[in-house]
Amino acid sequence: MISVEGYDTCLPEEEIKKELINHFNSCGEVLTVIIPKDPDHSPDLYRRAFVILLGDGAEEKALQLNGTDVGGWNALVKVEPEEEDEESSRYRSSLINELRNDPKFWYGVSVMGYDTSLPVDQVESALKKHFSNCGEITHVFVNTLDKQTNIYFSRQQEEALAMDLHGTKVGGFKLDISPVPSVLSNRPLGNGQIGLGYTVPGKHMKKKCF
């Protein structure tokens, strides 16, 4: 998880979130952006936003954007330390609670093996069509750096059905499908950190989504 400072706390929350997502999406998957309210100056936003990134080396790539321009302001980027002061710990707990309650990222699969020479929009369209019968797709992230795509669903049964498509083909390319780290598998530890793990899809599903 990284923290970002430098934005105008009087700006609309959604505007800041959109700018941060666009700025850091080249580093990996932007799982979520949380901007807590400032308890001392409500309803203003807190001066520091928290961004959770997924992907190999995502935080290191984000650090390289320290000092870069984000729509007229310079981003001060830091990786959140394991040992935090009381203020940081309080906001980390707030972030984790909000993240755990975001159903968009509860269940998902990671897909590899498709034609990575295609443009991102074509990859997303083809995979959405291929997995559409599995259920409601809540989010799709095409990671061009790692050449894989994360697809999230609204229910665990839908994730299980997506896993059943392992080895099927899209445009002549065989798909390699595996569970993706999700919100439910990354439960907070006692010290407020996020644990690592995978959400194991439900098995013994009779229905197939071909």
C-alpha atoms as a PDB file:
ATOM      1  CA  MET A   1       0.000   0.000   0.000  1.00  0.00           C
ATOM      2  CA  ILE A   2       1.215   3.493  -0.849  1.00  0.00           C
ATOM      3  CA  SER A   3       0.212   6.901   0.437  1.00  0.00           C
ATOM      4  CA  VAL A   4      -0.101  10.014  -1.713  1.00  0.00           C
ATOM      5  CA  GLU A   5      -0.092  13.648  -0.625  1.00  0.00           C
ATOM      6  CA  GLY A   6      -0.133  16.956  -2.475  1.00  0.00           C
ATOM      7  CA  TYR A   7      -3.720  17.279  -3.677  1.00  0.00           C
ATOM      8  CA  ASP A   8      -6.152  20.026  -2.729  1.00  0.00           C
ATOM      9  CA  THR A   9      -8.262  18.567   0.089  1.00  0.00           C
ATOM     10  CA  CYS A  10     -11.155  20.839  -0.892  1.00  0.00           C
ATOM     11  CA  LEU A  11     -11.549  19.137  -4.279  1.00  0.00           C
ATOM     12  CA  PRO A  12     -14.360  16.595  -4.768  1.00  0.00           C
ATOM     13  CA  GLU A  13     -13.372  13.138  -3.533  1.00  0.00           C
ATOM     14  CA  GLU A  14     -14.312  11.385  -6.778  1.00  0.00           C
ATOM     15  CA  GLU A  15     -12.217  13.827  -8.809  1.00  0.00           C
ATOM     16  CA  ILE A  16      -9.115  13.083  -6.729  1.00  0.00           C
ATOM     17  CA  LYS A  17      -9.742   9.335  -6.886  1.00  0.00           C
ATOM     18  CA  LYS A  18     -10.089   9.436 -10.671  1.00  0.00           C
ATOM     19  CA  GLU A  19      -6.821  11.363 -11.008  1.00  0.00           C
ATOM     20  CA  LEU A  20      -4.978   8.893  -8.767  1.00  0.00           C
ATOM     21  CA  ILE A  21      -6.340   5.842 -10.576  1.00  0.00           C
ATOM     22  CA  ASN A  22      -5.320   7.257 -13.955  1.00  0.00           C
ATOM     23  CA  HIS A  23      -1.898   8.235 -12.610  1.00  0.00           C
ATOM     24  CA  PHE A  24      -0.994   4.872 -11.058  1.00  0.00           C
ATOM     25  CA  ASN A  25      -2.710   2.379 -13.376  1.00  0.00           C
ATOM     26  CA  SER A  26       0.536   1.925 -15.322  1.00  0.00           C
ATOM     27  CA  CYS A  27       2.148   0.502 -12.152  1.00  0.00           C
ATOM     28  CA  GLY A  28      -0.268  -2.406 -11.751  1.00  0.00           C
ATOM     29  CA  GLU A  29      -3.888  -2.900 -10.814  1.00  0.00           C
ATOM     30  CA  VAL A  30      -5.286  -0.105  -8.685  1.00  0.00           C
ATOM     31  CA  LEU A  31      -7.395  -2.226  -6.355  1.00  0.00           C
ATOM     32  CA  THR A  32      -8.846   0.741  -4.528  1.00  0.00           C
ATOM     33  CA  VAL A  33      -8.244   4.355  -3.501  1.00  0.00           C
ATOM     34  CA  ILE A  34      -9.341   5.528  -0.069  1.00  0.00           C
ATOM     35  CA  ILE A  35      -9.394   9.166   0.995  1.00  0.00           C
ATOM     36  CA  PRO A  36     -10.544   9.394   4.631  1.00  0.00           C
ATOM     37  CA  LYS A  37     -12.322  12.408   6.035  1.00  0.00           C
ATOM     38  CA  ASP A  38     -10.226  14.773   8.137  1.00  0.00           C
ATOM     39  CA  PRO A  39     -11.569  14.350  11.704  1.00  0.00           C
ATOM     40  CA  ASP A  40     -10.297  17.806  12.688  1.00  0.00           C
ATOM     41  CA  HIS A  41     -11.632  19.712   9.672  1.00  0.00           C
ATOM     42  CA  SER A  42     -14.781  17.903   8.598  1.00  0.00           C
ATOM     43  CA  PRO A  43     -16.115  17.775   5.884  1.00  0.00           C
ATOM     44  CA  ASP A  44     -12.688  18.315   4.287  1.00  0.00           C
ATOM     45  CA  LEU A  45     -10.743  15.293   3.097  1.00  0.00           C
ATOM     46  CA  TYR A  46      -7.651  13.976   4.838  1.00  0.00           C
ATOM     47  CA  ARG A  47      -4.419  15.286   3.309  1.00  0.00           C
ATOM     48  CA  ARG A  48      -3.159  11.766   2.600  1.00  0.00           C
ATOM     49  CA  ALA A  49      -4.803   9.226   0.307  1.00  0.00           C
ATOM     50  CA  PHE A  50      -4.117   5.499   0.430  1.00  0.00           C
ATOM     51  CA  VAL A  51      -3.752   3.469  -2.758  1.00  0.00           C
ATOM     52  CA  ILE A  52      -3.645  -0.333  -2.813  1.00  0.00           C
ATOM     53  CA  LEU A  53      -1.891  -1.755  -5.865  1.00  0.00           C
ATOM     54  CA  LEU A  54      -1.707  -5.332  -7.133  1.00  0.00           C
ATOM     55  CA  GLY A  55       0.973  -6.681  -9.438  1.00  0.00           C
ATOM     56  CA  ASP A  56       4.643  -7.614  -9.360  1.00  0.00           C
ATOM     57  CA  GLY A  57       6.736  -4.610  -8.308  1.00  0.00           C
ATOM     58  CA  ALA A  58       3.702  -2.312  -8.317  1.00  0.00           C
ATOM     59  CA  GLU A  59       4.773  -0.298  -5.277  1.00  0.00           C
ATOM     60  CA  GLU A  60       8.309   0.154  -6.596  1.00  0.00           C
ATOM     61  CA  LYS A  61       6.904   1.424  -9.893  1.00  0.00           C
ATOM     62  CA  ALA A  62       4.616   3.800  -8.007  1.00  0.00           C
ATOM     63  CA  LEU A  63       7.577   5.239  -6.096  1.00  0.00           C
ATOM     64  CA  GLN A  64       9.131   6.230  -9.411  1.00  0.00           C
ATOM     65  CA  LEU A  65       6.173   8.589  -9.877  1.00  0.00           C
ATOM     66  CA  ASN A  66       7.084  10.549  -6.749  1.00  0.00           C
ATOM     67  CA  GLY A  67       7.137  14.254  -7.608  1.00  0.00           C
ATOM     68  CA  THR A  68       5.339  13.848 -10.928  1.00  0.00           C
ATOM     69  CA  ASP A  69       2.491  16.109 -11.995  1.00  0.00           C
ATOM     70  CA  VAL A  70      -1.083  14.973 -11.421  1.00  0.00           C
ATOM     71  CA  GLY A  71      -3.440  17.449 -13.025  1.00  0.00           C
ATOM     72  CA  GLY A  72      -1.676  20.530 -11.729  1.00  0.00           C
ATOM     73  CA  TRP A  73      -0.295  19.220  -8.431  1.00  0.00           C
ATOM     74  CA  ASN A  74       2.790  17.154  -7.621  1.00  0.00           C
ATOM     75  CA  ALA A  75       2.312  13.757  -6.014  1.00  0.00           C
ATOM     76  CA  LEU A  76       4.305  12.930  -2.884  1.00  0.00           C
ATOM     77  CA  VAL A  77       4.398   9.127  -2.970  1.00  0.00           C
ATOM     78  CA  LYS A  78       5.485   6.894  -0.096  1.00  0.00           C
ATOM     79  CA  VAL A  79       5.203   3.209   0.717  1.00  0.00           C
ATOM     80  CA  GLU A  80       3.370   2.834   4.006  1.00  0.00           C
ATOM     81  CA  PRO A  81       5.755   1.360   6.628  1.00  0.00           C
ATOM     82  CA  GLU A  82       4.903  -1.746   8.612  1.00  0.00           C
ATOM     83  CA  GLU A  83       5.315   0.196  11.850  1.00  0.00           C
ATOM     84  CA  GLU A  84       3.068   3.229  11.898  1.00  0.00           C
ATOM     85  CA  ASP A  85       2.240   6.069  14.210  1.00  0.00           C
ATOM     86  CA  GLU A  86      -1.180   6.208  15.838  1.00  0.00           C
ATOM     87  CA  GLU A  87      -2.626   8.479  13.159  1.00  0.00           C
ATOM     88  CA  SER A  88      -1.503   6.293  10.268  1.00  0.00           C
ATOM     89  CA  SER A  89      -2.677   3.158  12.038  1.00  0.00           C
ATOM     90  CA  ARG A  90      -6.138   4.653  12.542  1.00  0.00           C
ATOM     91  CA  TYR A  91      -6.521   5.522   8.881  1.00  0.00           C
ATOM     92  CA  ARG A  92      -5.137   2.171   7.747  1.00  0.00           C
ATOM     93  CA  SER A  93      -7.834   0.457   9.814  1.00  0.00           C
ATOM     94  CA  SER A  94     -10.452   2.720   8.242  1.00  0.00           C
ATOM     95  CA  LEU A  95      -9.149   1.867   4.779  1.00  0.00           C
ATOM     96  CA  ILE A  96      -9.184  -1.881   5.406  1.00  0.00           C
ATOM     97  CA  ASN A  97     -12.721  -1.787   6.760  1.00  0.00           C
ATOM     98  CA  GLU A  98     -13.937   0.065   3.667  1.00  0.00           C
ATOM     99  CA  LEU A  99     -12.032  -2.244   1.339  1.00  0.00           C
ATOM    100  CA  ARG A 100     -13.410  -5.389   2.956  1.00  0.00           C
ATOM    101  CA  ASN A 101     -16.920  -4.095   2.388  1.00  0.00           C
ATOM    102  CA  ASP A 102     -16.372  -3.375  -1.313  1.00  0.00           C
ATOM    103  CA  PRO A 103     -18.071  -6.298  -3.104  1.00  0.00           C
ATOM    104  CA  LYS A 104     -16.457  -5.393  -6.423  1.00  0.00           C
ATOM    105  CA  PHE A 105     -13.283  -7.277  -5.458  1.00  0.00           C
ATOM    106  CA  TRP A 106     -14.578 -10.166  -3.377  1.00  0.00           C
ATOM    107  CA  TYR A 107     -14.182 -12.923  -5.977  1.00  0.00           C
ATOM    108  CA  GLY A 108     -11.904 -13.108  -8.992  1.00  0.00           C
ATOM    109  CA  VAL A 109      -9.701 -15.095 -11.344  1.00  0.00           C
ATOM    110  CA  SER A 110      -6.426 -14.344 -13.070  1.00  0.00           C
ATOM    111  CA  VAL A 111      -6.307 -15.152 -16.783  1.00  0.00           C
ATOM    112  CA  MET A 112      -3.213 -15.738 -18.906  1.00  0.00           C
ATOM    113  CA  GLY A 113      -2.534 -17.336 -22.278  1.00  0.00           C
ATOM    114  CA  TYR A 114      -4.659 -15.072 -24.486  1.00  0.00           C
ATOM    115  CA  ASP A 115      -3.305 -13.120 -27.465  1.00  0.00           C
ATOM    116  CA  THR A 116      -1.335 -10.349 -25.735  1.00  0.00           C
ATOM    117  CA  SER A 117      -0.638  -8.587 -29.038  1.00  0.00           C
ATOM    118  CA  LEU A 118      -4.225  -7.334 -29.115  1.00  0.00           C
ATOM    119  CA  PRO A 119      -5.103  -3.834 -27.858  1.00  0.00           C
ATOM    120  CA  VAL A 120      -6.329  -3.625 -24.266  1.00  0.00           C
ATOM    121  CA  ASP A 121      -9.916  -2.851 -25.258  1.00  0.00           C
ATOM    122  CA  GLN A 122     -10.063  -5.902 -27.543  1.00  0.00           C
ATOM    123  CA  VAL A 123      -8.629  -8.161 -24.843  1.00  0.00           C
ATOM    124  CA  GLU A 124     -11.174  -6.863 -22.335  1.00  0.00           C
ATOM    125  CA  SER A 125     -14.053  -7.270 -24.774  1.00  0.00           C
ATOM    126  CA  ALA A 126     -13.061 -10.820 -25.757  1.00  0.00           C
ATOM    127  CA  LEU A 127     -12.612 -11.979 -22.165  1.00  0.00           C
ATOM    128  CA  LYS A 128     -15.837 -10.363 -20.998  1.00  0.00           C
ATOM    129  CA  LYS A 129     -17.686 -12.225 -23.738  1.00  0.00           C
ATOM    130  CA  HIS A 130     -15.939 -15.509 -22.873  1.00  0.00           C
ATOM    131  CA  PHE A 131     -16.777 -15.259 -19.165  1.00  0.00           C
ATOM    132  CA  SER A 132     -20.190 -13.597 -19.514  1.00  0.00           C
ATOM    133  CA  ASN A 133     -22.139 -16.794 -18.846  1.00  0.00           C
ATOM    134  CA  CYS A 134     -20.408 -17.233 -15.496  1.00  0.00           C
ATOM    135  CA  GLY A 135     -22.337 -14.377 -13.926  1.00  0.00           C
ATOM    136  CA  GLU A 136     -22.013 -10.690 -13.151  1.00  0.00           C
ATOM    137  CA  ILE A 137     -18.546  -9.297 -13.913  1.00  0.00           C
ATOM    138  CA  THR A 138     -17.852  -6.424 -11.533  1.00  0.00           C
ATOM    139  CA  HIS A 139     -14.400  -5.367 -12.744  1.00  0.00           C
ATOM    140  CA  VAL A 140     -11.827  -6.271 -15.406  1.00  0.00           C
ATOM    141  CA  PHE A 141      -8.191  -5.204 -15.267  1.00  0.00           C
ATOM    142  CA  VAL A 142      -5.860  -5.928 -18.209  1.00  0.00           C
ATOM    143  CA  ASN A 143      -2.267  -5.852 -16.967  1.00  0.00           C
ATOM    144  CA  THR A 144      -0.136  -5.282 -20.064  1.00  0.00           C
ATOM    145  CA  LEU A 145       3.107  -5.467 -18.059  1.00  0.00           C
ATOM    146  CA  ASP A 146       2.498  -8.931 -16.596  1.00  0.00           C
ATOM    147  CA  LYS A 147       0.434 -10.063 -19.617  1.00  0.00           C
ATOM    148  CA  GLN A 148      -2.469 -11.220 -17.509  1.00  0.00           C
ATOM    149  CA  THR A 149      -6.004 -10.062 -16.772  1.00  0.00           C
ATOM    150  CA  ASN A 150      -7.900 -10.113 -13.488  1.00  0.00           C
ATOM    151  CA  ILE A 151     -11.647 -10.624 -13.756  1.00  0.00           C
ATOM    152  CA  TYR A 152     -13.835 -10.090 -10.694  1.00  0.00           C
ATOM    153  CA  PHE A 153     -17.328 -11.451 -10.054  1.00  0.00           C
ATOM    154  CA  SER A 154     -20.147 -10.670  -7.657  1.00  0.00           C
ATOM    155  CA  ARG A 155     -20.477 -14.167  -6.162  1.00  0.00           C
ATOM    156  CA  GLN A 156     -18.214 -17.070  -5.221  1.00  0.00           C
ATOM    157  CA  GLN A 157     -20.238 -19.470  -7.373  1.00  0.00           C
ATOM    158  CA  GLU A 158     -19.476 -17.295 -10.390  1.00  0.00           C
ATOM    159  CA  GLU A 159     -15.777 -17.398  -9.593  1.00  0.00           C
ATOM    160  CA  ALA A 160     -16.000 -21.196  -9.460  1.00  0.00           C
ATOM    161  CA  LEU A 161     -17.705 -21.292 -12.845  1.00  0.00           C
ATOM    162  CA  ALA A 162     -14.956 -19.088 -14.265  1.00  0.00           C
ATOM    163  CA  MET A 163     -12.354 -21.547 -12.964  1.00  0.00           C
ATOM    164  CA  ASP A 164     -14.129 -24.262 -14.945  1.00  0.00           C
ATOM    165  CA  LEU A 165     -13.056 -22.444 -18.124  1.00  0.00           C
ATOM    166  CA  HIS A 166      -9.394 -23.255 -17.493  1.00  0.00           C
ATOM    167  CA  GLY A 167      -7.947 -24.685 -20.696  1.00  0.00           C
ATOM    168  CA  THR A 168     -10.675 -23.332 -22.970  1.00  0.00           C
ATOM    169  CA  LYS A 169      -9.689 -21.199 -25.949  1.00  0.00           C
ATOM    170  CA  VAL A 170     -10.250 -17.594 -26.992  1.00  0.00           C
ATOM    171  CA  GLY A 171      -9.303 -16.863 -30.587  1.00  0.00           C
ATOM    172  CA  GLY A 172      -7.307 -20.085 -30.757  1.00  0.00           C
ATOM    173  CA  PHE A 173      -5.313 -19.326 -27.598  1.00  0.00           C
ATOM    174  CA  LYS A 174      -5.670 -21.645 -24.590  1.00  0.00           C
ATOM    175  CA  LEU A 175      -6.438 -19.849 -21.324  1.00  0.00           C
ATOM    176  CA  ASP A 176      -4.565 -20.450 -18.083  1.00  0.00           C
ATOM    177  CA  ILE A 177      -6.913 -19.530 -15.227  1.00  0.00           C
ATOM    178  CA  SER A 178      -6.044 -19.369 -11.532  1.00  0.00           C
ATOM    179  CA  PRO A 179      -7.506 -17.798  -8.369  1.00  0.00           C
ATOM    180  CA  VAL A 180      -6.569 -14.167  -7.838  1.00  0.00           C
ATOM    181  CA  PRO A 181      -5.779 -12.601  -4.432  1.00  0.00           C
ATOM    182  CA  SER A 182      -8.974 -10.898  -3.360  1.00  0.00           C
ATOM    183  CA  VAL A 183     -10.414  -8.784  -0.594  1.00  0.00           C
ATOM    184  CA  LEU A 184     -11.786 -11.806   1.254  1.00  0.00           C
ATOM    185  CA  SER A 185      -8.460 -13.631   1.176  1.00  0.00           C
ATOM    186  CA  ASN A 186      -6.516 -10.536   2.298  1.00  0.00           C
ATOM    187  CA  ARG A 187      -8.045 -10.300   5.735  1.00  0.00           C
ATOM    188  CA  PRO A 188      -6.523  -7.830   8.201  1.00  0.00           C
ATOM    189  CA  LEU A 189      -4.052  -9.198  10.719  1.00  0.00           C
ATOM    190  CA  GLY A 190      -3.965  -8.175  14.347  1.00  0.00           C
ATOM    191  CA  ASN A 191      -1.641  -5.236  13.662  1.00  0.00           C
ATOM    192  CA  GLY A 192      -3.858  -3.818  10.918  1.00  0.00           C
ATOM    193  CA  GLN A 193      -1.806  -5.225   8.040  1.00  0.00           C
ATOM    194  CA  ILE A 194      -3.357  -7.058   5.121  1.00  0.00           C
ATOM    195  CA  GLY A 195      -2.558 -10.752   4.969  1.00  0.00           C
ATOM    196  CA  LEU A 196      -1.748 -12.560   1.748  1.00  0.00           C
ATOM    197  CA  GLY A 197      -3.663 -15.497   0.345  1.00  0.00           C
ATOM    198  CA  TYR A 198      -6.144 -16.683  -2.227  1.00  0.00           C
ATOM    199  CA  THR A 199      -9.880 -17.018  -2.288  1.00  0.00           C
ATOM    200  CA  VAL A 200     -10.480 -20.669  -3.082  1.00  0.00           C
ATOM    201  CA  PRO A 201     -13.391 -21.028  -5.502  1.00  0.00           C
ATOM    202  CA  GLY A 202     -16.274 -23.268  -4.511  1.00  0.00           C
ATOM    203  CA  LYS A 203     -15.988 -26.757  -5.969  1.00  0.00           C
ATOM    204  CA  HIS A 204     -18.417 -29.452  -6.998  1.00  0.00           C
ATOM    205  CA  MET A 205     -20.401 -27.009  -9.137  1.00  0.00           C
ATOM    206  CA  LYS A 206     -22.588 -28.924 -11.595  1.00  0.00           C
ATOM    207  CA  LYS A 207     -23.306 -26.041 -13.934  1.00  0.00           C
ATOM    208  CA  LYS A 208     -20.712 -25.129 -16.550  1.00  0.00           C
ATOM    209  CA  CYS A 209     -20.477 -21.708 -18.183  1.00  0.00           C
ATOM    210  CA  PHE A 210     -19.629 -22.625 -21.763  1.00  0.00           C
END
